[in-house]
Protein backbone atom coordinates (compact mmCIF):
# COMPACT_ATOMS: atom_id res chain seq x y z
CA MET A 1 243.77 -107.76 285.58
CA ARG A 2 246.72 -105.42 285.20
CA LYS A 3 246.41 -101.68 285.10
CA PRO A 4 247.79 -100.14 281.95
CA ARG A 5 251.08 -98.39 282.57
CA LYS A 6 251.24 -94.68 282.20
CA ARG A 7 253.62 -93.66 279.52
CA ALA A 8 256.31 -91.24 280.45
CA THR A 9 255.67 -88.31 278.19
CA ALA A 10 258.52 -85.96 277.54
CA ARG A 11 257.43 -82.36 277.36
CA VAL A 12 257.89 -81.29 273.77
CA ARG A 13 258.20 -77.59 273.08
CA ILE A 14 257.28 -75.82 269.88
CA PRO A 15 260.55 -75.65 267.93
CA ASP A 16 261.81 -72.67 265.96
CA PHE A 17 261.02 -73.52 262.35
CA ARG A 18 263.43 -72.66 259.58
CA THR A 19 260.88 -73.15 256.79
CA ASP A 20 257.13 -73.27 256.32
CA ALA A 21 257.47 -76.88 255.19
CA GLU A 22 259.18 -77.79 258.47
CA ALA A 23 256.36 -76.12 260.42
CA ALA A 24 253.75 -77.93 258.34
CA ARG A 25 255.36 -81.32 259.04
CA PHE A 26 255.47 -80.58 262.77
CA TRP A 27 251.81 -79.56 262.97
CA GLU A 28 250.71 -82.54 260.86
CA ARG A 29 252.22 -84.80 263.53
CA ASN A 30 251.27 -82.83 266.65
CA ASP A 31 248.02 -81.63 268.19
CA VAL A 32 247.97 -77.89 268.77
CA SER A 33 245.96 -78.34 271.97
CA ALA A 34 249.01 -80.02 273.56
CA PHE A 35 250.85 -76.69 273.24
CA ALA A 36 248.09 -74.36 274.50
CA GLY A 37 250.29 -73.06 277.31
CA GLU A 38 252.98 -71.94 274.87
CA LEU A 39 250.75 -70.13 272.41
CA GLU A 40 250.23 -66.38 272.41
CA GLU A 41 247.38 -64.45 270.92
CA ALA A 42 248.51 -62.65 267.79
CA GLN A 43 247.80 -58.93 267.71
CA GLY A 44 247.12 -57.00 264.54
CA VAL A 45 247.78 -59.85 262.13
CA VAL A 46 246.70 -59.14 258.57
CA PHE A 47 246.91 -61.73 255.85
CA ALA A 48 247.44 -59.77 252.68
CA ARG A 49 246.57 -61.48 249.46
CA PRO A 50 248.10 -60.29 246.24
CA ARG A 51 245.69 -58.17 244.29
CA LYS A 52 244.19 -60.01 241.38
CA GLU A 53 242.46 -58.65 238.36
CA VAL A 54 239.59 -60.26 236.56
CA VAL A 55 240.35 -61.35 233.00
CA THR A 56 237.70 -62.28 230.49
CA LEU A 57 238.61 -65.32 228.47
CA ARG A 58 236.35 -66.58 225.71
CA LEU A 59 236.45 -70.35 225.40
CA GLU A 60 234.45 -72.83 223.41
CA ARG A 61 231.89 -74.63 225.52
CA SER A 62 233.52 -78.02 224.90
CA LEU A 63 236.90 -76.70 226.05
CA LEU A 64 235.36 -75.25 229.21
CA GLN A 65 233.65 -78.58 229.94
CA ARG A 66 236.99 -80.38 229.59
CA LEU A 67 238.66 -77.85 231.90
CA ARG A 68 235.94 -78.31 234.49
CA ALA A 69 236.29 -82.11 234.31
CA VAL A 70 240.07 -81.97 234.85
CA ALA A 71 239.67 -79.48 237.69
CA LEU A 72 237.02 -81.65 239.35
CA LYS A 73 239.35 -84.66 239.27
CA ARG A 74 242.03 -82.55 240.97
CA GLY A 75 239.61 -81.10 243.51
CA LEU A 76 240.09 -77.54 242.30
CA PRO A 77 237.87 -74.80 240.96
CA TYR A 78 238.43 -74.58 237.21
CA SER A 79 239.60 -70.96 237.49
CA ALA A 80 242.35 -72.06 239.92
CA LEU A 81 243.42 -74.75 237.47
CA ILE A 82 243.65 -72.21 234.65
CA ARG A 83 245.66 -69.83 236.87
CA MET A 84 247.98 -72.69 237.87
CA TRP A 85 248.59 -73.66 234.24
CA VAL A 86 249.27 -70.06 233.23
CA LEU A 87 251.83 -69.72 236.04
CA GLU A 88 253.51 -72.99 235.03
CA ARG A 89 253.77 -71.84 231.43
CA LEU A 90 255.19 -68.46 232.46
CA ARG A 91 257.88 -70.20 234.54
CA GLN A 92 258.80 -72.33 231.52
CA ALA A 93 259.02 -69.24 229.31
CA ARG A 94 261.75 -67.64 231.46
């Protein structure tokens, strides 16, 4: 019985990414643990979210049920779906 050959693995370094999409593609295809020696601990990182305000919106029960059903199919909370649709409509209105 033959021993399996060891593959020659070229050492891949973390590239400099030009876009977030490029970084996302790289990390989808690569395991972060393979790059443990290259990673540094981030100091003082703060992820700031834009401030949001609560808006009261009165909807008929049947409309809310339909919104929830569409959101469920898309795997979203219904409030996120509403926010997404409002943003889409505002972009169209420009």
